Structures are given as structure tokens and as C-alpha cells.
N, C-alpha and C. Protein backbone atom coordinates (compact mmCIF):
# COMPACT_ATOMS: atom_id res chain seq x y z
N MET A 1 0.85 -1.17 0.00
CA MET A 1 0.00 0.00 0.00
C MET A 1 0.90 1.24 0.00
N ASN A 2 0.68 2.10 -0.96
CA ASN A 2 1.57 3.26 -1.03
C ASN A 2 1.01 4.45 -0.28
N LEU A 3 1.82 5.47 -0.17
CA LEU A 3 1.48 6.65 0.61
C LEU A 3 0.25 7.37 0.05
N ASN A 4 0.12 7.42 -1.28
CA ASN A 4 -1.04 8.10 -1.88
C ASN A 4 -2.35 7.39 -1.55
N GLN A 5 -2.34 6.06 -1.51
CA GLN A 5 -3.55 5.32 -1.15
C GLN A 5 -3.93 5.58 0.29
N ASN A 6 -2.94 5.66 1.17
CA ASN A 6 -3.23 5.96 2.57
C ASN A 6 -3.80 7.36 2.73
N LYS A 7 -3.27 8.31 1.98
CA LYS A 7 -3.79 9.68 2.03
C LYS A 7 -5.23 9.72 1.51
N LEU A 8 -5.51 8.98 0.44
CA LEU A 8 -6.86 8.93 -0.10
C LEU A 8 -7.82 8.33 0.92
N LYS A 9 -7.42 7.22 1.54
CA LYS A 9 -8.27 6.59 2.55
C LYS A 9 -8.53 7.55 3.71
N ALA A 10 -7.48 8.21 4.19
CA ALA A 10 -7.65 9.14 5.30
C ALA A 10 -8.59 10.28 4.91
N SER A 11 -8.47 10.77 3.70
CA SER A 11 -9.33 11.86 3.23
C SER A 11 -10.78 11.43 3.14
N VAL A 12 -11.02 10.24 2.61
CA VAL A 12 -12.40 9.75 2.49
C VAL A 12 -12.97 9.42 3.87
N ILE A 13 -12.15 8.93 4.78
CA ILE A 13 -12.61 8.69 6.15
C ILE A 13 -13.06 9.99 6.78
N LEU A 14 -12.27 11.04 6.64
CA LEU A 14 -12.66 12.36 7.19
C LEU A 14 -13.93 12.87 6.52
N LEU A 15 -14.02 12.73 5.21
CA LEU A 15 -15.22 13.15 4.48
C LEU A 15 -16.43 12.39 5.01
N ARG A 16 -16.29 11.09 5.17
CA ARG A 16 -17.38 10.24 5.67
C ARG A 16 -17.83 10.67 7.06
N ILE A 17 -16.90 10.89 7.95
CA ILE A 17 -17.23 11.25 9.33
C ILE A 17 -17.86 12.64 9.39
N PHE A 18 -17.33 13.60 8.64
CA PHE A 18 -17.88 14.96 8.67
C PHE A 18 -19.28 15.00 8.07
N ILE A 19 -19.49 14.31 6.97
CA ILE A 19 -20.84 14.26 6.39
C ILE A 19 -21.77 13.52 7.33
N GLY A 20 -21.28 12.47 7.95
CA GLY A 20 -22.09 11.74 8.93
C GLY A 20 -22.51 12.63 10.08
N TRP A 21 -21.58 13.45 10.56
CA TRP A 21 -21.91 14.39 11.64
C TRP A 21 -23.00 15.36 11.19
N HIS A 22 -22.87 15.87 9.97
CA HIS A 22 -23.85 16.81 9.44
C HIS A 22 -25.24 16.18 9.39
N PHE A 23 -25.33 14.97 8.86
CA PHE A 23 -26.61 14.28 8.77
C PHE A 23 -27.18 14.00 10.17
N LEU A 24 -26.35 13.46 11.05
CA LEU A 24 -26.83 13.13 12.39
C LEU A 24 -27.28 14.38 13.13
N PHE A 25 -26.52 15.44 13.04
CA PHE A 25 -26.89 16.69 13.70
C PHE A 25 -28.23 17.20 13.19
N GLU A 26 -28.41 17.20 11.88
CA GLU A 26 -29.68 17.66 11.30
C GLU A 26 -30.85 16.80 11.78
N GLY A 27 -30.66 15.50 11.85
CA GLY A 27 -31.72 14.62 12.32
C GLY A 27 -32.06 14.84 13.79
N VAL A 28 -31.04 14.97 14.63
CA VAL A 28 -31.26 15.17 16.06
C VAL A 28 -31.94 16.52 16.33
N VAL A 29 -31.49 17.56 15.66
CA VAL A 29 -32.09 18.89 15.84
C VAL A 29 -33.57 18.85 15.46
N LYS A 30 -33.89 18.20 14.38
CA LYS A 30 -35.29 18.12 13.94
C LYS A 30 -36.11 17.28 14.92
N MET A 31 -35.52 16.20 15.41
CA MET A 31 -36.24 15.30 16.32
C MET A 31 -36.59 16.02 17.63
N TYR A 32 -35.70 16.84 18.14
CA TYR A 32 -35.93 17.49 19.43
C TYR A 32 -36.59 18.86 19.32
N ASN A 33 -36.96 19.27 18.12
CA ASN A 33 -37.66 20.54 17.94
C ASN A 33 -39.12 20.23 17.61
N PRO A 34 -40.01 20.36 18.59
CA PRO A 34 -41.41 20.02 18.34
C PRO A 34 -42.08 20.92 17.31
N GLU A 35 -41.49 22.06 17.03
CA GLU A 35 -42.05 22.99 16.04
C GLU A 35 -41.62 22.66 14.61
N TRP A 36 -40.59 21.82 14.47
CA TRP A 36 -40.07 21.56 13.13
C TRP A 36 -41.03 20.71 12.31
N THR A 37 -41.14 21.08 11.05
CA THR A 37 -41.84 20.28 10.06
C THR A 37 -41.26 20.61 8.70
N SER A 38 -41.33 19.68 7.80
CA SER A 38 -40.84 19.92 6.44
C SER A 38 -41.90 20.60 5.58
N PHE A 39 -43.04 20.90 6.18
CA PHE A 39 -44.16 21.47 5.42
C PHE A 39 -43.75 22.71 4.62
N GLY A 40 -43.12 23.68 5.27
CA GLY A 40 -42.76 24.92 4.59
C GLY A 40 -41.82 24.70 3.42
N TYR A 41 -40.84 23.84 3.62
CA TYR A 41 -39.87 23.55 2.56
C TYR A 41 -40.56 22.89 1.38
N LEU A 42 -41.43 21.93 1.68
CA LEU A 42 -42.12 21.22 0.61
C LEU A 42 -43.20 22.06 -0.06
N ALA A 43 -43.89 22.89 0.73
CA ALA A 43 -44.97 23.72 0.18
C ALA A 43 -44.45 24.76 -0.79
N THR A 44 -43.19 25.15 -0.63
CA THR A 44 -42.62 26.16 -1.53
C THR A 44 -41.76 25.53 -2.63
N ALA A 45 -41.86 24.20 -2.78
CA ALA A 45 -41.08 23.52 -3.82
C ALA A 45 -41.42 24.10 -5.18
N GLN A 46 -40.45 24.05 -6.05
CA GLN A 46 -40.64 24.58 -7.40
C GLN A 46 -39.83 23.75 -8.38
N GLY A 47 -40.01 24.01 -9.62
CA GLY A 47 -39.30 23.27 -10.64
C GLY A 47 -40.13 22.13 -11.19
N PRO A 48 -39.50 21.24 -11.93
CA PRO A 48 -40.24 20.19 -12.64
C PRO A 48 -40.90 19.15 -11.73
N PHE A 49 -40.47 19.04 -10.48
CA PHE A 49 -41.05 18.04 -9.57
C PHE A 49 -41.90 18.66 -8.47
N GLU A 50 -42.30 19.88 -8.66
CA GLU A 50 -43.15 20.57 -7.68
C GLU A 50 -44.40 19.75 -7.35
N TRP A 51 -44.99 19.14 -8.36
CA TRP A 51 -46.21 18.34 -8.17
C TRP A 51 -45.98 17.21 -7.17
N PHE A 52 -44.81 16.57 -7.22
CA PHE A 52 -44.51 15.46 -6.32
C PHE A 52 -44.40 15.93 -4.87
N PHE A 53 -43.70 17.03 -4.66
CA PHE A 53 -43.51 17.54 -3.30
C PHE A 53 -44.81 18.09 -2.73
N THR A 54 -45.69 18.58 -3.58
CA THR A 54 -47.00 19.04 -3.14
C THR A 54 -47.84 17.87 -2.62
N LEU A 55 -47.66 16.70 -3.21
CA LEU A 55 -48.38 15.50 -2.74
C LEU A 55 -47.98 15.12 -1.31
N LEU A 56 -46.76 15.46 -0.93
CA LEU A 56 -46.24 15.04 0.38
C LEU A 56 -46.72 15.89 1.55
N ILE A 57 -47.38 17.00 1.27
CA ILE A 57 -47.73 17.92 2.36
C ILE A 57 -49.17 17.79 2.85
N GLY A 58 -49.85 16.74 2.43
CA GLY A 58 -51.22 16.53 2.89
C GLY A 58 -51.26 16.19 4.37
N ASP A 59 -52.40 16.41 5.00
CA ASP A 59 -52.56 16.11 6.42
C ASP A 59 -52.25 14.65 6.74
N ALA A 60 -52.58 13.75 5.84
CA ALA A 60 -52.36 12.33 6.08
C ALA A 60 -50.91 11.91 5.88
N THR A 61 -50.13 12.72 5.17
CA THR A 61 -48.77 12.30 4.83
C THR A 61 -47.66 13.08 5.51
N ILE A 62 -47.88 14.31 5.88
CA ILE A 62 -46.78 15.15 6.36
C ILE A 62 -46.12 14.59 7.62
N GLY A 63 -46.89 14.00 8.50
CA GLY A 63 -46.30 13.39 9.70
C GLY A 63 -45.34 12.27 9.35
N TRP A 64 -45.74 11.43 8.39
CA TRP A 64 -44.87 10.35 7.93
C TRP A 64 -43.62 10.90 7.25
N VAL A 65 -43.81 11.90 6.43
CA VAL A 65 -42.68 12.50 5.72
C VAL A 65 -41.67 13.06 6.72
N ASP A 66 -42.15 13.77 7.73
CA ASP A 66 -41.25 14.34 8.74
C ASP A 66 -40.51 13.24 9.50
N THR A 67 -41.25 12.21 9.92
CA THR A 67 -40.64 11.12 10.68
C THR A 67 -39.61 10.36 9.83
N LEU A 68 -39.96 10.04 8.60
CA LEU A 68 -39.02 9.33 7.73
C LEU A 68 -37.79 10.17 7.41
N ASN A 69 -37.97 11.47 7.28
CA ASN A 69 -36.84 12.35 7.04
C ASN A 69 -35.86 12.31 8.21
N ILE A 70 -36.39 12.40 9.42
CA ILE A 70 -35.54 12.36 10.62
C ILE A 70 -34.83 11.01 10.72
N ILE A 71 -35.55 9.93 10.52
CA ILE A 71 -34.96 8.60 10.61
C ILE A 71 -33.86 8.42 9.56
N ALA A 72 -34.13 8.86 8.34
CA ALA A 72 -33.15 8.72 7.27
C ALA A 72 -31.90 9.56 7.56
N LEU A 73 -32.10 10.79 8.03
CA LEU A 73 -30.95 11.62 8.38
C LEU A 73 -30.08 10.95 9.44
N MET A 74 -30.72 10.43 10.47
CA MET A 74 -29.97 9.80 11.55
C MET A 74 -29.33 8.48 11.10
N LEU A 75 -30.00 7.73 10.25
CA LEU A 75 -29.42 6.49 9.72
C LEU A 75 -28.13 6.79 8.96
N VAL A 76 -28.17 7.76 8.09
CA VAL A 76 -26.97 8.13 7.34
C VAL A 76 -25.88 8.60 8.30
N GLY A 77 -26.26 9.42 9.26
CA GLY A 77 -25.29 9.91 10.22
C GLY A 77 -24.61 8.79 10.98
N PHE A 78 -25.38 7.85 11.50
CA PHE A 78 -24.81 6.74 12.27
C PHE A 78 -23.94 5.83 11.39
N THR A 79 -24.40 5.50 10.19
CA THR A 79 -23.61 4.60 9.34
C THR A 79 -22.29 5.25 8.94
N PHE A 80 -22.31 6.54 8.67
CA PHE A 80 -21.08 7.23 8.27
C PHE A 80 -20.13 7.43 9.46
N ILE A 81 -20.65 7.87 10.57
CA ILE A 81 -19.78 8.12 11.73
C ILE A 81 -19.19 6.81 12.26
N LEU A 82 -20.03 5.78 12.35
CA LEU A 82 -19.57 4.52 12.91
C LEU A 82 -18.81 3.65 11.90
N GLY A 83 -18.95 3.95 10.62
CA GLY A 83 -18.23 3.18 9.60
C GLY A 83 -18.74 1.76 9.43
N ILE A 84 -20.04 1.61 9.42
CA ILE A 84 -20.65 0.30 9.19
C ILE A 84 -21.88 0.48 8.29
N PHE A 85 -22.02 -0.41 7.35
CA PHE A 85 -23.11 -0.33 6.36
C PHE A 85 -23.12 1.04 5.67
N GLU A 86 -21.93 1.57 5.43
CA GLU A 86 -21.84 2.92 4.87
C GLU A 86 -22.36 3.01 3.44
N ARG A 87 -22.35 1.91 2.70
CA ARG A 87 -22.91 1.95 1.35
C ARG A 87 -24.42 2.15 1.41
N VAL A 88 -25.06 1.51 2.37
CA VAL A 88 -26.50 1.73 2.56
C VAL A 88 -26.73 3.19 2.94
N GLY A 89 -25.93 3.68 3.87
CA GLY A 89 -26.02 5.09 4.26
C GLY A 89 -25.80 6.03 3.09
N ALA A 90 -24.85 5.69 2.22
CA ALA A 90 -24.55 6.54 1.07
C ALA A 90 -25.73 6.59 0.10
N ILE A 91 -26.39 5.46 -0.10
CA ILE A 91 -27.56 5.43 -1.00
C ILE A 91 -28.70 6.26 -0.40
N VAL A 92 -28.96 6.06 0.90
CA VAL A 92 -30.03 6.81 1.55
C VAL A 92 -29.69 8.31 1.55
N GLY A 93 -28.44 8.63 1.85
CA GLY A 93 -28.01 10.04 1.86
C GLY A 93 -28.13 10.68 0.49
N ALA A 94 -27.68 9.97 -0.54
CA ALA A 94 -27.79 10.51 -1.90
C ALA A 94 -29.25 10.71 -2.29
N GLY A 95 -30.11 9.77 -1.89
CA GLY A 95 -31.54 9.90 -2.18
C GLY A 95 -32.15 11.11 -1.50
N LEU A 96 -31.84 11.28 -0.22
CA LEU A 96 -32.35 12.46 0.50
C LEU A 96 -31.87 13.75 -0.15
N LEU A 97 -30.58 13.81 -0.43
CA LEU A 97 -30.01 15.03 -1.01
C LEU A 97 -30.58 15.31 -2.40
N ALA A 98 -30.84 14.25 -3.15
CA ALA A 98 -31.47 14.44 -4.47
C ALA A 98 -32.86 15.05 -4.31
N MET A 99 -33.60 14.57 -3.31
CA MET A 99 -34.93 15.13 -3.08
C MET A 99 -34.84 16.59 -2.62
N TYR A 100 -33.89 16.90 -1.73
CA TYR A 100 -33.72 18.29 -1.29
C TYR A 100 -33.36 19.17 -2.49
N PHE A 101 -32.47 18.66 -3.34
CA PHE A 101 -32.05 19.42 -4.52
C PHE A 101 -33.22 19.65 -5.47
N LEU A 102 -33.99 18.59 -5.72
CA LEU A 102 -35.09 18.69 -6.69
C LEU A 102 -36.28 19.50 -6.16
N ALA A 103 -36.42 19.60 -4.84
CA ALA A 103 -37.50 20.41 -4.29
C ALA A 103 -37.25 21.89 -4.53
N HIS A 104 -35.99 22.27 -4.51
CA HIS A 104 -35.61 23.68 -4.74
C HIS A 104 -34.39 23.72 -5.64
N PRO A 105 -34.57 23.34 -6.90
CA PRO A 105 -33.40 23.30 -7.80
C PRO A 105 -32.90 24.70 -8.10
N PRO A 106 -31.59 24.88 -8.08
CA PRO A 106 -31.02 26.21 -8.36
C PRO A 106 -30.89 26.47 -9.86
N PHE A 107 -32.00 26.37 -10.54
CA PHE A 107 -31.99 26.53 -11.99
C PHE A 107 -32.23 27.99 -12.36
N PRO A 108 -31.63 28.42 -13.44
CA PRO A 108 -31.86 29.80 -13.90
C PRO A 108 -33.35 30.05 -14.15
N GLY A 109 -33.81 31.18 -13.71
CA GLY A 109 -35.20 31.56 -13.90
C GLY A 109 -36.11 31.20 -12.74
N LEU A 110 -35.66 30.38 -11.81
CA LEU A 110 -36.45 30.03 -10.63
C LEU A 110 -36.02 30.90 -9.46
N THR A 111 -36.99 31.47 -8.77
CA THR A 111 -36.69 32.25 -7.58
C THR A 111 -36.26 31.30 -6.48
N GLN A 112 -35.17 31.62 -5.83
CA GLN A 112 -34.66 30.76 -4.76
C GLN A 112 -35.38 31.09 -3.45
N MET A 113 -36.21 30.13 -2.98
CA MET A 113 -36.94 30.30 -1.73
C MET A 113 -36.53 29.19 -0.77
N ASN A 114 -36.48 29.50 0.51
CA ASN A 114 -36.14 28.53 1.55
C ASN A 114 -34.79 27.86 1.32
N VAL A 115 -33.83 28.61 0.82
CA VAL A 115 -32.49 28.08 0.62
C VAL A 115 -31.48 29.04 1.25
N GLU A 116 -30.33 28.48 1.58
CA GLU A 116 -29.26 29.29 2.13
C GLU A 116 -28.38 29.75 0.97
N GLY A 117 -28.28 31.02 0.76
CA GLY A 117 -27.42 31.55 -0.29
C GLY A 117 -28.11 31.61 -1.63
N SER A 118 -27.36 32.04 -2.60
CA SER A 118 -27.85 32.17 -3.96
C SER A 118 -26.97 31.32 -4.86
N TYR A 119 -27.55 30.34 -5.49
CA TYR A 119 -26.78 29.39 -6.29
C TYR A 119 -27.24 29.39 -7.73
N TRP A 120 -26.43 28.84 -8.59
CA TRP A 120 -26.79 28.68 -9.98
C TRP A 120 -26.36 27.28 -10.40
N ILE A 121 -27.29 26.37 -10.49
CA ILE A 121 -27.18 24.97 -10.89
C ILE A 121 -26.55 24.10 -9.80
N VAL A 122 -25.40 24.46 -9.27
CA VAL A 122 -24.72 23.66 -8.25
C VAL A 122 -24.93 24.31 -6.89
N ASN A 123 -25.44 23.51 -5.92
CA ASN A 123 -25.58 24.02 -4.56
C ASN A 123 -24.99 23.00 -3.59
N LYS A 124 -25.09 23.30 -2.31
CA LYS A 124 -24.46 22.42 -1.31
C LYS A 124 -25.10 21.03 -1.29
N ASN A 125 -26.38 20.93 -1.59
CA ASN A 125 -27.02 19.61 -1.63
C ASN A 125 -26.43 18.74 -2.74
N LEU A 126 -26.20 19.33 -3.89
CA LEU A 126 -25.63 18.58 -5.01
C LEU A 126 -24.18 18.18 -4.70
N ILE A 127 -23.44 19.07 -4.08
CA ILE A 127 -22.05 18.76 -3.73
C ILE A 127 -21.99 17.61 -2.72
N GLU A 128 -22.84 17.67 -1.70
CA GLU A 128 -22.84 16.60 -0.70
C GLU A 128 -23.37 15.29 -1.29
N LEU A 129 -24.28 15.37 -2.25
CA LEU A 129 -24.77 14.18 -2.95
C LEU A 129 -23.61 13.50 -3.67
N VAL A 130 -22.79 14.27 -4.36
CA VAL A 130 -21.63 13.71 -5.06
C VAL A 130 -20.65 13.11 -4.05
N ALA A 131 -20.49 13.75 -2.90
CA ALA A 131 -19.62 13.19 -1.86
C ALA A 131 -20.16 11.85 -1.36
N CYS A 132 -21.48 11.70 -1.26
CA CYS A 132 -22.06 10.41 -0.88
C CYS A 132 -21.76 9.35 -1.93
N ILE A 133 -21.75 9.74 -3.19
CA ILE A 133 -21.40 8.80 -4.26
C ILE A 133 -19.94 8.37 -4.13
N VAL A 134 -19.06 9.30 -3.79
CA VAL A 134 -17.65 8.97 -3.56
C VAL A 134 -17.53 7.97 -2.40
N ILE A 135 -18.24 8.22 -1.33
CA ILE A 135 -18.20 7.31 -0.17
C ILE A 135 -18.74 5.94 -0.54
N TYR A 136 -19.77 5.91 -1.38
CA TYR A 136 -20.30 4.63 -1.85
C TYR A 136 -19.23 3.88 -2.65
N GLN A 137 -18.53 4.60 -3.52
CA GLN A 137 -17.50 3.99 -4.37
C GLN A 137 -16.25 3.59 -3.60
N LEU A 138 -15.94 4.33 -2.54
CA LEU A 138 -14.73 4.09 -1.76
C LEU A 138 -15.08 3.90 -0.28
N PRO A 139 -15.76 2.83 0.06
CA PRO A 139 -16.13 2.63 1.46
C PRO A 139 -14.88 2.47 2.33
N THR A 140 -14.87 3.12 3.47
CA THR A 140 -13.68 3.11 4.33
C THR A 140 -13.92 2.46 5.68
N GLY A 141 -15.12 1.97 5.91
CA GLY A 141 -15.42 1.36 7.20
C GLY A 141 -14.56 0.13 7.48
N SER A 142 -14.09 -0.54 6.43
CA SER A 142 -13.24 -1.71 6.64
C SER A 142 -11.83 -1.33 7.08
N TYR A 143 -11.49 -0.04 7.00
CA TYR A 143 -10.19 0.45 7.46
C TYR A 143 -10.31 1.18 8.79
N PHE A 144 -11.41 1.91 8.93
CA PHE A 144 -11.61 2.70 10.14
C PHE A 144 -13.09 2.76 10.44
N GLY A 145 -13.54 1.91 11.35
CA GLY A 145 -14.94 1.89 11.71
C GLY A 145 -15.36 0.54 12.25
N LEU A 146 -16.62 0.44 12.58
CA LEU A 146 -17.14 -0.81 13.12
C LEU A 146 -17.09 -1.95 12.11
N ASP A 147 -17.13 -1.64 10.84
CA ASP A 147 -17.03 -2.68 9.82
C ASP A 147 -15.67 -3.37 9.91
N HIS A 148 -14.64 -2.61 10.24
CA HIS A 148 -13.29 -3.17 10.43
C HIS A 148 -13.30 -4.17 11.58
N LEU A 149 -13.93 -3.78 12.69
CA LEU A 149 -14.02 -4.67 13.84
C LEU A 149 -14.85 -5.91 13.53
N ARG A 150 -15.95 -5.72 12.81
CA ARG A 150 -16.83 -6.84 12.45
C ARG A 150 -16.11 -7.83 11.55
N LYS A 151 -15.39 -7.34 10.56
CA LYS A 151 -14.66 -8.23 9.65
C LYS A 151 -13.54 -8.96 10.36
N ASN A 152 -12.84 -8.28 11.26
CA ASN A 152 -11.77 -8.94 12.02
C ASN A 152 -12.33 -10.01 12.93
N LYS A 153 -13.50 -9.77 13.51
CA LYS A 153 -14.13 -10.77 14.38
C LYS A 153 -14.53 -11.99 13.57
N LEU A 154 -15.06 -11.78 12.36
CA LEU A 154 -15.44 -12.90 11.50
C LEU A 154 -14.21 -13.72 11.10
N LYS A 155 -13.10 -13.03 10.79
CA LYS A 155 -11.87 -13.73 10.45
C LYS A 155 -11.37 -14.58 11.60
N THR A 156 -11.44 -14.03 12.81
CA THR A 156 -10.99 -14.74 14.00
C THR A 156 -11.85 -15.97 14.25
N GLN A 157 -13.14 -15.87 14.02
CA GLN A 157 -14.04 -17.00 14.25
C GLN A 157 -13.81 -18.12 13.23
N GLU A 158 -13.41 -17.74 12.01
CA GLU A 158 -13.17 -18.73 10.96
C GLU A 158 -11.91 -19.53 11.21
N GLN A 159 -10.96 -18.96 11.92
CA GLN A 159 -9.67 -19.64 12.12
C GLN A 159 -9.70 -20.61 13.23
């Protein structure tokens, strides 16, 4: 194993842990804030998928949407921070980020509502989505995380 591979692994491990912290923090903050709901974000959705996000804000669905959002955020956070099942976390994270991006796409001609900053095509959701794809392609839990411990335990049991 050469020095460049070790640097790449260390970089992806840091990326994984930092993104995991971001997801976990967002999930915990939403869970402990009784006033939080995704209603406002979804109600102001725009772009080609506005119709889909409008379907999610009904009285019968918004509670489920909020709960599933919190669970998904925390799932990604735990898998990334702990370094286990990170590919599952990466898929869930990329899916969430794709939905956040598509609810308020930073496309020319669309007024940016309920977003931080002013973007044009590329925003933080899209960047973090691509980072989740990198983590999916280069899982690091087998080097640093619970997956490493799990695999070593399985090896020990086989011997």
C-alpha cells in the first residue's frame, strides 16, 4: 500500500465522518424541535417536480414525511460516523439530497426560496450528494470503523 492510497483513505474517512456528523446533527435537531416540520420547505417547492412535493404535504402524509426524514438523516449519520453499512447510508443520503435538490433546484429563472445563499445549478445539496457517491464507491469502514471490527471478528471465528 503506497502513501497516496493511505492519504486517499484518510481523506475519504474524514469526508465520511464529517458528512455523517452533518446528517446526524440535522436529524437530532429536527427530532428534538417540536415545532419543526418539512411542510414549509415542501410547500414552496418549485421546478419540474413541484407536483410530487406538493403531494407530500397533505394532512395524512406530512407526519410520515417528517418522521421518515428524521430517521433517514440519523441512519446516514450513524452509518457514516460509525463506519458500518456505509454503502446503505450513502444510498439513503444521496436519495435524501437528491430530493432536497429537486424540491428547490437552483436553476436559472427560478426564484430561490427557503435556501441558504444564492446558487446557480450547483448548490451544497448537489455537492454533498456527489460526496455520498464517492463514499459509496470508496467505502472506508473496513479500514476505520465498526465494519473493520466486524470483519476482524469474523476472520478470527473462521480460524
